[in-house]
Amino acid sequence: MGLFLGAVPSLADQTPSLALAPAPAGEPLFLVEPAQVRGDAHLRARALGVFAREPLVLQNADQEYDRVIDSQIWLHALASFSLSHRYQLSLDVPLLMSQKAGEPALQGATAARPDEAALLGDVRVGARVKLLGPAGDGEHLALAAGAWLPTGKDYAGDDGAAVRGSLLADGRYARWLWAVELGGRTRPSMRLPGIVPTRVGSAIVASAGQSTFVDANRQIAVSSELAASFTVGAGAKPFDPRGTRAHFLLGARYRPIVELEVGAAFGPDLGQAPGAADFRALGFVGFTPEVTPPPPDRDDDRVPDRVDACIDLPGVAAADPQMNGCPEVPPDFDTDEIPDQFDACPKEAGLPTGDRKTHGCPPQVDTDGDGVFDRDDACPKERGVRSAERPKNGCPPPPPPPPPVAHVEAEQVVISEQVQFEHGTAVLRAESDGILAEVAKVLAEHPELELIEVAGHTDDTGTPAINQKLSQERAAAVMKWLVDRGTAAGRLSAKGYGQSAPIADNSSEPGRAKNRRVEFRIVKRAEVTP
């Protein structure tokens, strides 16, 4: 196919890519990308060889044909990765393995010939997302996008980045499939001068194809497809032959084993745009594991339609066949038909009120009239007070504890509570002040008690020597407390007995607690005149 060229010193400054844009690896057609995505976390790969004869023929002002490139041989390394039967990523690394320059024109201007060394073409990355359609056979709709990176040169690249976007549709059946594509592609603008200038730029792309399985085992398939590009950028007129190129292919594929597929196709190109060859042949070998599609699932909830009780509502799997595939019923512990997440009283059946504090709660009742509703009242029949502690909320306050008591009994001043010390020390704790104050009061009321021994005792924890010393220090601390509060020092003496006089069994904690004590013994009484 030809282009028209005037007297151009060199075409090396403007060398459009002549490469094909093949379908991603693993697809049933050579050029047309289908809409369906097959597989979940599946990788496919394909090595595609392409031979093109006379992909660039120009005509100069002397009406002489200048066959700039006689032939090209390309190798495309293709890979694709599919996920969830819905998304796919793809990669195309084209290598221009060989290009043979043609004979220059006999008369007039002749274009510069390309370098015949192997070259890397423009690497293409792509993505596809299925919008509609089942995971298996049926009709599908998808969006696809791709980008070319400027990695090629000298008829292997466009010397600039480009993008492509397409709407895809297809139909897959037991023995036949069809696919169509409509979209657009950006491209760096170029103006190739000639009798009539030829423009290279952004284009509308459209393609269609079909494939038929020859045998029932689906090992052999034959296909036909047409992929066209219509330049509309850089000032080109739509459907101008000099800006149009199309590839028509007849192909066949064969799968000798499940993971391996080979195929070949050939056909002419149409139009006169750069890359429209007189003849083109393709062949590939690919790693294309067959994927068994999941059963039909119209609502995409992973519950097959044949057992989905809510076929149009995404749901969850359930043991109950009447609920399998239906949306999960929100939990309602108290069965009042108000889901727990909205129920202010999820464990008590109640009524809807619309108030977040009472929605789903029983009617508010306050039997004892204390302002605490029965549902929160730990004592619903006794008038009480509010409390942050739920076991006490609404209950009467407990009576105050009786004050500590000390009294004279026989030869002792008996106390109702033990004197408390910090653990392992003779430091009096604050709660001991009350009982010691009662002792001081008794001593003041009984002046006839001339001498009181403050006796300190311990349990048997620790060594006897340590316990003796600790009991003496504690007795002295109690005596000092009483003296500081007004008791005459001459009426008191302090003595520690250590662990020598237990009153309970030291083998248990309650017994040891009783043995840790302070006693007030009456040593001397004054004679009392009747």
Protein backbone atom coordinates (compact mmCIF):
# COMPACT_ATOMS: atom_id res chain seq x y z
CA MET A 1 0.00 0.00 0.00
CA GLY A 2 1.33 3.43 -0.82
CA LEU A 3 1.96 6.97 0.42
CA PHE A 4 2.70 10.01 -1.75
CA LEU A 5 6.02 11.75 -1.12
CA GLY A 6 7.56 14.86 -2.67
CA ALA A 7 11.20 15.76 -2.64
CA VAL A 8 12.14 15.09 0.94
CA PRO A 9 15.83 15.17 1.91
CA SER A 10 15.34 12.69 4.75
CA LEU A 11 12.47 10.96 6.43
CA ALA A 12 14.53 10.06 9.49
CA ASP A 13 13.09 12.99 11.50
CA GLN A 14 9.55 11.65 11.07
CA THR A 15 9.33 7.87 11.23
CA PRO A 16 5.93 6.58 12.35
CA SER A 17 5.68 3.18 13.99
CA LEU A 18 4.54 0.42 11.63
CA ALA A 19 3.78 -2.10 14.38
CA LEU A 20 0.49 -3.91 14.96
CA ALA A 21 -1.52 -3.59 18.19
CA PRO A 22 -2.32 -7.26 18.90
CA ALA A 23 -4.95 -8.48 21.38
CA PRO A 24 -3.67 -9.36 24.87
CA ALA A 25 -2.18 -12.77 25.59
CA GLY A 26 -4.64 -15.63 25.86
CA GLU A 27 -7.47 -14.09 23.84
CA PRO A 28 -9.28 -16.06 21.12
CA LEU A 29 -8.62 -13.46 18.37
CA PHE A 30 -5.37 -12.05 17.04
CA LEU A 31 -6.24 -8.33 16.92
CA VAL A 32 -9.71 -7.76 18.42
CA GLU A 33 -9.80 -7.50 22.22
CA PRO A 34 -12.93 -9.13 23.73
CA ALA A 35 -14.96 -7.80 26.66
CA GLN A 36 -15.01 -10.90 28.83
CA VAL A 37 -12.31 -11.45 31.46
CA ARG A 38 -11.59 -15.12 32.13
CA GLY A 39 -9.93 -16.32 35.30
CA ASP A 40 -9.20 -15.27 38.86
CA ALA A 41 -5.48 -14.65 39.51
CA HIS A 42 -4.56 -16.28 36.19
CA LEU A 43 -1.42 -15.44 34.21
CA ARG A 44 -1.15 -16.00 30.45
CA ALA A 45 1.74 -15.45 28.05
CA ARG A 46 2.13 -15.49 24.28
CA ALA A 47 5.00 -15.06 21.81
CA LEU A 48 3.59 -13.61 18.57
CA GLY A 49 5.59 -13.32 15.36
CA VAL A 50 4.45 -10.95 12.59
CA PHE A 51 5.72 -10.73 9.01
CA ALA A 52 4.72 -7.70 6.93
CA ARG A 53 5.58 -7.25 3.23
CA GLU A 54 6.07 -3.71 1.96
CA PRO A 55 4.56 -1.92 4.98
CA LEU A 56 5.80 1.46 3.70
CA VAL A 57 5.75 2.38 -0.01
CA LEU A 58 5.92 6.06 -1.04
CA GLN A 59 5.39 7.82 -4.35
CA ASN A 60 7.46 10.86 -5.21
CA ALA A 61 6.70 13.82 -7.45
CA ASP A 62 8.06 11.96 -10.51
CA GLN A 63 5.34 9.32 -10.06
CA GLU A 64 7.99 6.80 -9.06
CA TYR A 65 7.26 4.29 -6.26
CA ASP A 66 9.83 4.35 -3.52
CA ARG A 67 9.67 1.11 -1.54
CA VAL A 68 11.19 2.42 1.71
CA ILE A 69 10.75 -0.82 3.63
CA ASP A 70 10.51 -4.10 1.77
CA SER A 71 9.66 -6.24 4.82
CA GLN A 72 9.55 -6.29 8.61
CA ILE A 73 9.59 -9.15 11.08
CA TRP A 74 8.26 -8.42 14.57
CA LEU A 75 8.21 -10.47 17.76
CA HIS A 76 5.67 -9.45 20.39
CA ALA A 77 6.18 -10.71 23.95
CA LEU A 78 2.66 -10.60 25.41
CA ALA A 79 1.47 -11.22 28.99
CA SER A 80 -1.83 -10.73 30.78
CA PHE A 81 -3.11 -11.20 34.33
CA SER A 82 -6.79 -11.58 35.17
CA LEU A 83 -8.48 -11.17 38.55
CA SER A 84 -11.97 -12.03 39.82
CA HIS A 85 -13.27 -12.72 36.28
CA ARG A 86 -13.62 -8.92 36.01
CA TYR A 87 -10.26 -7.12 35.81
CA GLN A 88 -7.26 -7.69 33.54
CA LEU A 89 -3.84 -6.11 33.08
CA SER A 90 -1.76 -6.68 29.96
CA LEU A 91 1.71 -6.00 28.59
CA ASP A 92 3.06 -5.95 25.03
CA VAL A 93 6.83 -5.69 24.44
CA PRO A 94 7.37 -5.48 20.64
CA LEU A 95 10.76 -6.24 19.15
CA LEU A 96 11.52 -5.36 15.53
CA MET A 97 13.72 -8.36 14.80
CA SER A 98 14.42 -7.47 11.19
CA GLN A 99 13.48 -4.84 8.64
CA LYS A 100 14.76 -4.89 5.10
CA ALA A 101 15.07 -1.67 3.16
CA GLY A 102 13.60 -1.64 -0.33
CA GLU A 103 15.21 -0.52 -3.56
CA PRO A 104 15.24 3.29 -3.95
CA ALA A 105 13.16 4.97 -6.63
CA LEU A 106 14.74 5.05 -10.08
CA GLN A 107 13.99 8.75 -10.55
CA GLY A 108 13.23 11.67 -8.24
CA ALA A 109 13.49 11.94 -4.47
CA THR A 110 14.23 8.87 -2.42
CA ALA A 111 13.44 8.56 1.29
CA ALA A 112 16.15 7.69 3.79
CA ARG A 113 16.37 3.97 4.48
CA PRO A 114 15.91 2.60 8.01
CA ASP A 115 18.59 1.03 10.14
CA GLU A 116 18.30 -2.71 9.62
CA ALA A 117 19.45 -3.57 13.16
CA ALA A 118 17.02 -5.11 15.66
CA LEU A 119 15.08 -2.49 17.61
CA LEU A 120 12.78 -2.26 20.59
CA GLY A 121 9.35 -0.91 19.69
CA ASP A 122 6.96 1.18 21.79
CA VAL A 123 6.07 -0.88 24.87
CA ARG A 124 2.32 -0.99 25.51
CA VAL A 125 0.53 -1.51 28.85
CA GLY A 126 -3.20 -2.06 29.07
CA ALA A 127 -6.10 -2.61 31.45
CA ARG A 128 -9.64 -3.89 31.04
CA VAL A 129 -12.64 -3.96 33.35
CA LYS A 130 -15.81 -5.91 32.62
CA LEU A 131 -18.92 -3.83 33.23
CA LEU A 132 -21.73 -6.25 32.42
CA GLY A 133 -22.14 -9.94 31.74
CA PRO A 134 -21.70 -13.30 33.46
CA ALA A 135 -18.39 -14.92 34.30
CA GLY A 136 -19.13 -17.67 31.79
CA ASP A 137 -20.81 -17.79 28.39
CA GLY A 138 -23.13 -14.97 27.35
CA GLU A 139 -22.89 -11.36 26.30
CA HIS A 140 -20.40 -8.97 27.93
CA LEU A 141 -19.55 -5.26 27.95
CA ALA A 142 -16.23 -3.76 29.06
CA LEU A 143 -13.99 -0.71 29.01
CA ALA A 144 -10.34 -0.96 27.99
CA ALA A 145 -7.44 1.47 28.11
CA GLY A 146 -3.83 1.33 27.00
CA ALA A 147 -0.70 3.45 26.81
CA TRP A 148 2.32 3.29 24.53
CA LEU A 149 5.65 4.29 26.04
CA PRO A 150 8.13 6.08 23.74
CA THR A 151 10.73 3.31 23.71
CA GLY A 152 11.02 2.78 19.93
CA LYS A 153 12.53 4.67 17.01
CA ASP A 154 13.24 4.39 13.27
CA TYR A 155 9.87 2.89 12.15
CA ALA A 156 9.68 0.92 15.42
CA GLY A 157 8.22 3.78 17.48
CA ASP A 158 6.34 7.07 17.19
CA ASP A 159 8.88 9.12 19.17
CA GLY A 160 6.19 10.07 21.69
CA ALA A 161 3.74 8.62 24.19
CA ALA A 162 0.20 7.69 23.16
CA VAL A 163 -2.98 6.37 24.81
CA ARG A 164 -5.99 4.41 23.67
CA GLY A 165 -9.48 3.94 25.10
CA SER A 166 -12.19 1.58 23.84
CA LEU A 167 -15.64 0.24 24.51
CA LEU A 168 -15.71 -3.54 24.06
CA ALA A 169 -18.58 -5.96 23.54
CA ASP A 170 -18.66 -9.67 22.85
CA GLY A 171 -20.80 -12.78 22.97
CA ARG A 172 -19.54 -16.28 23.87
CA TYR A 173 -21.46 -19.46 23.24
CA ALA A 174 -20.76 -23.19 23.14
CA ARG A 175 -19.10 -23.24 19.70
CA TRP A 176 -18.92 -19.61 18.58
CA LEU A 177 -17.95 -16.15 19.75
CA TRP A 178 -17.98 -12.62 18.37
CA ALA A 179 -16.27 -9.41 19.53
CA VAL A 180 -16.39 -5.75 18.52
CA GLU A 181 -14.41 -2.71 19.61
CA LEU A 182 -14.89 1.04 19.15
CA GLY A 183 -12.59 3.67 20.53
CA GLY A 184 -9.88 6.22 19.91
CA ARG A 185 -6.11 6.48 19.99
CA THR A 186 -3.89 9.50 20.42
CA ARG A 187 -0.68 9.64 18.41
CA PRO A 188 2.12 12.17 17.88
CA SER A 189 1.29 14.27 14.80
CA MET A 190 3.44 13.90 11.68
CA ARG A 191 3.14 15.40 8.18
CA LEU A 192 4.68 13.33 5.42
CA PRO A 193 5.03 15.62 2.38
CA GLY A 194 4.19 14.44 -1.11
CA ILE A 195 2.03 15.33 -4.07
CA VAL A 196 -0.78 15.32 -1.54
CA PRO A 197 0.55 15.53 2.08
CA THR A 198 -0.16 12.51 4.24
CA ARG A 199 -0.87 13.15 7.91
CA VAL A 200 -0.26 10.80 10.83
CA GLY A 201 -2.03 11.55 14.12
CA SER A 202 -4.82 10.59 16.48
CA ALA A 203 -7.32 8.13 15.08
CA ILE A 204 -10.65 6.40 15.53
CA VAL A 205 -10.24 2.65 15.91
CA ALA A 206 -12.89 0.06 15.13
CA SER A 207 -12.65 -3.69 14.84
CA ALA A 208 -14.79 -6.80 14.69
CA GLY A 209 -14.07 -10.52 14.69
CA GLN A 210 -15.49 -13.97 15.18
CA SER A 211 -14.16 -17.42 16.07
CA THR A 212 -15.76 -20.83 15.63
CA PHE A 213 -14.77 -24.09 17.27
CA VAL A 214 -14.50 -26.84 14.69
CA ASP A 215 -14.62 -29.79 17.09
CA ALA A 216 -16.74 -30.62 20.11
CA ASN A 217 -13.66 -30.69 22.38
CA ARG A 218 -12.92 -27.05 21.46
CA GLN A 219 -9.33 -27.81 20.49
CA ILE A 220 -9.46 -26.33 16.98
CA ALA A 221 -10.93 -22.94 16.09
CA VAL A 222 -10.98 -20.84 12.94
CA SER A 223 -11.44 -17.07 12.95
CA SER A 224 -11.81 -13.99 10.81
CA GLU A 225 -11.37 -10.39 11.87
CA LEU A 226 -10.99 -6.87 10.58
CA ALA A 227 -9.24 -4.12 12.61
CA ALA A 228 -9.26 -0.58 11.19
CA SER A 229 -7.77 2.79 12.16
CA PHE A 230 -9.02 6.12 10.70
CA THR A 231 -6.74 9.12 11.21
CA VAL A 232 -8.60 12.28 12.27
CA GLY A 233 -5.77 14.25 13.88
CA ALA A 234 -3.07 16.44 12.38
CA GLY A 235 -5.59 17.92 9.92
CA ALA A 236 -6.41 14.60 8.21
CA LYS A 237 -9.84 14.13 6.69
CA PRO A 238 -11.87 11.18 7.97
CA PHE A 239 -11.76 8.06 5.80
CA ASP A 240 -8.97 9.52 3.60
CA PRO A 241 -7.14 6.46 2.18
CA ARG A 242 -3.81 8.09 3.06
CA GLY A 243 -4.85 8.12 6.74
CA THR A 244 -6.59 4.76 6.82
CA ARG A 245 -5.24 1.32 7.41
CA ALA A 246 -7.06 -1.92 8.12
CA HIS A 247 -5.92 -5.47 8.73
CA PHE A 248 -8.01 -8.40 7.53
CA LEU A 249 -7.01 -11.78 8.89
CA LEU A 250 -8.09 -15.36 8.51
CA GLY A 251 -6.73 -17.46 11.35
CA ALA A 252 -6.73 -20.80 13.10
CA ARG A 253 -5.85 -21.93 16.61
CA TYR A 254 -5.04 -25.37 17.98
CA ARG A 255 -4.72 -26.49 21.59
CA PRO A 256 -2.65 -29.73 21.74
CA ILE A 257 -2.69 -29.75 25.57
CA VAL A 258 -4.64 -27.81 28.16
CA GLU A 259 -1.91 -25.23 28.89
CA LEU A 260 -0.49 -24.80 25.36
CA GLU A 261 -2.01 -23.07 22.35
CA VAL A 262 -0.59 -22.35 18.90
CA GLY A 263 -2.07 -20.37 16.05
CA ALA A 264 -1.48 -18.70 12.72
CA ALA A 265 -3.23 -16.08 10.58
CA PHE A 266 -2.67 -14.27 7.29
CA GLY A 267 -4.32 -11.68 5.13
CA PRO A 268 -3.96 -8.39 3.26
CA ASP A 269 -3.98 -4.88 4.70
CA LEU A 270 -6.25 -2.17 3.33
CA GLY A 271 -5.64 1.57 2.96
CA GLN A 272 -2.52 3.62 2.35
CA ALA A 273 -1.55 4.83 5.84
CA PRO A 274 1.89 3.98 7.23
CA GLY A 275 1.90 0.33 8.31
CA ALA A 276 -0.63 -0.88 5.73
CA ALA A 277 1.25 -3.81 4.19
CA ASP A 278 0.54 -5.68 1.00
CA PHE A 279 0.48 -8.95 2.91
CA ARG A 280 0.77 -9.95 6.53
CA ALA A 281 1.28 -13.30 8.29
CA LEU A 282 1.15 -14.03 12.01
CA GLY A 283 2.01 -17.01 14.17
CA PHE A 284 2.04 -17.54 17.91
CA VAL A 285 2.70 -20.03 20.68
CA GLY A 286 1.23 -19.33 24.07
CA PHE A 287 0.78 -20.50 27.63
CA THR A 288 -2.99 -20.28 27.95
CA PRO A 289 -4.40 -22.47 30.73
CA GLU A 290 -8.11 -23.10 30.30
CA VAL A 291 -10.26 -21.65 33.04
CA THR A 292 -13.54 -23.23 34.01
CA PRO A 293 -15.88 -20.29 34.54
CA PRO A 294 -17.90 -20.21 37.74
CA PRO A 295 -21.62 -21.01 37.47
CA PRO A 296 -23.94 -18.11 36.58
CA ASP A 297 -24.21 -15.58 39.38
CA ARG A 298 -26.34 -12.64 38.29
CA ASP A 299 -25.87 -10.54 41.44
CA ASP A 300 -22.13 -11.33 41.84
CA ASP A 301 -22.48 -12.48 45.46
CA ARG A 302 -20.59 -15.77 44.91
CA VAL A 303 -23.78 -17.78 45.42
CA PRO A 304 -24.69 -19.51 42.12
CA ASP A 305 -28.03 -18.53 40.62
CA ARG A 306 -29.32 -22.13 40.80
CA VAL A 307 -29.26 -22.03 44.64
CA ASP A 308 -29.61 -18.26 45.18
CA ALA A 309 -32.90 -17.46 46.91
CA CYS A 310 -32.40 -13.74 46.16
CA ILE A 311 -31.03 -13.93 42.64
CA ASP A 312 -31.03 -10.15 42.06
CA LEU A 313 -29.87 -9.05 45.53
CA PRO A 314 -26.22 -9.49 46.60
CA GLY A 315 -26.18 -11.54 49.78
CA VAL A 316 -24.28 -14.17 51.73
CA ALA A 317 -24.23 -17.94 51.74
CA ALA A 318 -26.51 -19.54 54.34
CA ALA A 319 -27.41 -23.07 55.41
CA ASP A 320 -31.11 -22.21 55.14
CA PRO A 321 -32.05 -22.67 51.46
CA GLN A 322 -34.74 -20.00 51.83
CA MET A 323 -32.08 -17.44 52.86
CA ASN A 324 -29.09 -18.66 50.81
CA GLY A 325 -27.73 -15.76 48.79
CA CYS A 326 -30.00 -13.19 50.47
CA PRO A 327 -28.78 -10.15 52.40
CA GLU A 328 -27.84 -11.04 55.94
CA VAL A 329 -30.62 -10.33 58.43
CA PRO A 330 -29.39 -7.89 61.10
CA PRO A 331 -29.18 -9.48 64.57
CA ASP A 332 -32.14 -8.84 66.87
CA PHE A 333 -31.44 -10.50 70.21
CA ASP A 334 -34.71 -9.49 71.89
CA THR A 335 -36.85 -10.28 68.78
CA ASP A 336 -38.66 -6.94 68.92
CA GLU A 337 -38.04 -6.41 65.17
CA ILE A 338 -35.61 -3.57 65.89
CA PRO A 339 -32.04 -4.56 64.86
CA ASP A 340 -29.56 -4.57 67.72
CA GLN A 341 -27.47 -1.85 66.07
CA PHE A 342 -30.41 0.57 66.39
CA ASP A 343 -31.90 -0.85 69.62
CA ALA A 344 -31.19 1.17 72.77
CA CYS A 345 -32.25 -1.89 74.80
CA PRO A 346 -30.99 -4.83 72.65
CA LYS A 347 -31.67 -7.42 75.38
CA GLU A 348 -35.18 -6.26 76.26
CA ALA A 349 -38.11 -6.35 73.85
CA GLY A 350 -39.46 -2.84 73.45
CA LEU A 351 -41.23 -0.35 71.23
CA PRO A 352 -39.99 1.99 68.48
CA THR A 353 -39.83 5.58 69.71
CA GLY A 354 -37.47 7.29 67.26
CA ASP A 355 -35.39 8.56 70.18
CA ARG A 356 -31.90 7.07 70.14
CA LYS A 357 -31.95 6.78 73.94
CA THR A 358 -35.24 4.86 74.14
CA HIS A 359 -35.75 3.32 70.68
CA GLY A 360 -36.51 -0.38 71.18
CA CYS A 361 -36.84 -0.09 74.97
CA PRO A 362 -39.82 -1.17 77.09
CA PRO A 363 -42.22 1.61 78.21
CA GLN A 364 -40.65 3.71 80.95
CA VAL A 365 -42.05 2.73 84.38
CA ASP A 366 -40.93 3.98 87.80
CA THR A 367 -42.80 1.91 90.38
CA ASP A 368 -41.19 3.44 93.49
CA GLY A 369 -41.17 7.00 92.13
CA ASP A 370 -37.52 7.64 92.85
CA GLY A 371 -36.76 8.97 89.36
CA VAL A 372 -34.92 5.81 88.28
CA PHE A 373 -36.93 3.83 85.72
CA ASP A 374 -37.57 0.21 86.63
CA ARG A 375 -35.42 -1.14 83.78
CA ASP A 376 -32.39 0.59 85.35
CA ASP A 377 -33.53 0.35 88.99
CA ALA A 378 -31.77 -2.36 90.98
CA CYS A 379 -34.41 -1.86 93.73
CA PRO A 380 -37.59 -1.08 91.73
CA LYS A 381 -39.87 -1.34 94.78
CA GLU A 382 -37.71 0.66 97.21
CA ARG A 383 -37.28 4.40 96.85
CA GLY A 384 -33.63 5.08 96.38
CA VAL A 385 -31.07 7.32 94.71
CA ARG A 386 -29.19 7.29 91.42
CA SER A 387 -25.79 5.64 91.40
CA ALA A 388 -23.14 5.13 88.70
CA GLU A 389 -22.82 1.55 89.98
CA ARG A 390 -25.64 -0.40 88.36
CA PRO A 391 -26.08 -2.87 91.30
CA LYS A 392 -26.79 0.15 93.56
CA ASN A 393 -28.70 2.37 91.10
CA GLY A 394 -32.12 3.25 92.50
CA CYS A 395 -31.49 1.58 95.85
CA PRO A 396 -31.58 3.27 99.26
CA PRO A 397 -28.16 4.40 100.38
CA PRO A 398 -26.55 2.00 102.85
CA PRO A 399 -26.55 3.07 106.50
CA PRO A 400 -23.33 4.72 107.64
CA PRO A 401 -20.92 2.38 109.36
CA PRO A 402 -20.95 2.53 113.18
CA PRO A 403 -18.19 4.64 114.66
CA PRO A 404 -15.26 2.79 116.24
CA VAL A 405 -15.82 1.92 119.91
CA ALA A 406 -13.43 1.47 122.84
CA HIS A 407 -14.43 0.48 126.40
CA VAL A 408 -12.95 -0.81 129.65
CA GLU A 409 -13.46 -4.51 130.17
CA ALA A 410 -11.73 -6.40 133.03
CA GLU A 411 -8.01 -5.74 132.64
CA GLN A 412 -8.06 -4.27 129.14
CA VAL A 413 -9.28 -1.34 127.15
CA VAL A 414 -11.09 -3.31 124.44
CA ILE A 415 -11.30 -1.83 120.92
CA SER A 416 -13.86 -2.77 118.21
CA GLU A 417 -11.41 -2.40 115.33
CA GLN A 418 -7.78 -3.25 114.88
CA VAL A 419 -5.14 -0.55 114.65
CA GLN A 420 -3.85 -0.52 111.07
CA PHE A 421 -0.26 0.01 109.89
CA GLU A 422 1.39 0.30 106.48
CA HIS A 423 2.57 -3.16 105.39
CA GLY A 424 5.75 -4.26 107.15
CA THR A 425 6.24 -0.90 108.91
CA ALA A 426 5.27 0.95 112.09
CA VAL A 427 3.63 3.76 110.13
CA LEU A 428 0.03 4.22 111.26
CA ARG A 429 -2.58 4.35 108.51
CA ALA A 430 -5.12 7.18 108.50
CA GLU A 431 -8.04 4.86 109.22
CA SER A 432 -6.51 4.09 112.63
CA ASP A 433 -7.11 7.65 113.87
CA GLY A 434 -10.75 6.96 114.74
CA ILE A 435 -10.18 3.97 116.99
CA LEU A 436 -7.15 5.58 118.69
CA ALA A 437 -9.22 8.70 119.33
CA GLU A 438 -11.76 6.45 121.10
CA VAL A 439 -8.95 4.97 123.24
CA ALA A 440 -7.76 8.47 124.19
CA LYS A 441 -11.34 9.38 125.12
CA VAL A 442 -11.69 6.32 127.39
CA LEU A 443 -8.40 7.12 129.13
CA ALA A 444 -9.56 10.68 129.72
CA GLU A 445 -12.84 9.42 131.20
CA HIS A 446 -11.08 6.91 133.49
CA PRO A 447 -8.34 8.72 135.43
CA GLU A 448 -8.18 5.74 137.79
CA LEU A 449 -6.34 3.83 135.06
CA GLU A 450 -2.87 4.94 136.12
CA LEU A 451 -0.76 2.73 133.84
CA ILE A 452 -1.66 1.18 130.48
CA GLU A 453 0.65 -1.13 128.55
CA VAL A 454 0.44 -0.72 124.77
CA ALA A 455 1.24 -4.29 123.63
CA GLY A 456 2.25 -4.96 120.00
CA HIS A 457 1.83 -8.41 118.40
CA THR A 458 2.62 -9.86 114.94
CA ASP A 459 1.95 -13.07 113.04
CA ASP A 460 4.71 -15.60 112.36
CA THR A 461 5.61 -14.23 108.90
CA GLY A 462 9.32 -13.44 108.96
CA THR A 463 11.90 -14.23 111.60
CA PRO A 464 11.16 -13.92 115.33
CA ALA A 465 13.79 -11.20 115.74
CA ILE A 466 12.30 -9.06 112.98
CA ASN A 467 8.79 -9.61 114.32
CA GLN A 468 9.88 -8.68 117.86
CA LYS A 469 11.44 -5.44 116.62
CA LEU A 470 8.42 -4.59 114.44
CA SER A 471 5.95 -5.18 117.29
CA GLN A 472 8.00 -2.94 119.64
CA GLU A 473 8.11 -0.15 117.05
CA ARG A 474 4.37 -0.38 116.43
CA ALA A 475 3.58 -0.27 120.15
CA ALA A 476 5.81 2.79 120.49
CA ALA A 477 4.10 4.46 117.50
CA VAL A 478 0.66 3.99 119.10
CA MET A 479 1.94 5.32 122.44
CA LYS A 480 3.39 8.41 120.71
CA TRP A 481 0.08 9.01 118.93
CA LEU A 482 -1.80 9.00 122.27
CA VAL A 483 0.77 11.23 123.98
CA ASP A 484 0.65 13.71 121.10
CA ARG A 485 -3.15 13.89 121.54
CA GLY A 486 -3.02 14.73 125.28
CA THR A 487 -2.59 11.48 127.18
CA ALA A 488 0.04 11.81 129.92
CA ALA A 489 3.18 9.92 128.98
CA GLY A 490 3.47 8.59 132.54
CA ARG A 491 0.23 6.66 132.12
CA LEU A 492 1.55 4.64 129.13
CA SER A 493 4.25 2.08 128.39
CA ALA A 494 5.02 0.29 125.10
CA LYS A 495 6.09 -3.33 124.75
CA GLY A 496 6.42 -5.61 121.75
CA TYR A 497 5.69 -9.33 122.00
CA GLY A 498 6.46 -10.26 118.40
CA GLN A 499 4.92 -13.57 117.39
CA SER A 500 5.06 -15.10 120.87
CA ALA A 501 1.39 -14.69 121.87
CA PRO A 502 -0.90 -15.68 119.00
CA ILE A 503 -4.65 -15.74 119.55
CA ALA A 504 -5.45 -17.56 116.26
CA ASP A 505 -3.96 -20.14 113.91
CA ASN A 506 -1.16 -18.67 111.80
CA SER A 507 -1.74 -21.24 109.04
CA SER A 508 -4.53 -19.13 107.47
CA GLU A 509 -4.73 -15.53 106.40
CA PRO A 510 -7.75 -14.74 108.65
CA GLY A 511 -5.81 -16.17 111.61
CA ARG A 512 -2.68 -14.19 110.80
CA ALA A 513 -4.79 -11.02 110.50
CA LYS A 514 -6.11 -11.54 114.04
CA ASN A 515 -2.60 -12.05 115.38
CA ARG A 516 -1.40 -8.71 113.93
CA ARG A 517 -2.86 -6.56 116.70
CA VAL A 518 -2.35 -3.89 119.35
CA GLU A 519 -3.77 -4.43 122.82
CA PHE A 520 -4.19 -1.98 125.71
CA ARG A 521 -3.59 -3.79 129.02
CA ILE A 522 -4.42 -2.19 132.37
CA VAL A 523 -1.30 -2.57 134.48
CA LYS A 524 -2.24 -0.36 137.46
CA ARG A 525 -5.44 1.08 138.82
CA ALA A 526 -5.83 3.75 141.51
CA GLU A 527 -7.82 3.00 144.60
CA VAL A 528 -11.29 4.39 144.15
CA THR A 529 -12.99 5.75 147.31
CA PRO A 530 -16.66 4.86 147.34
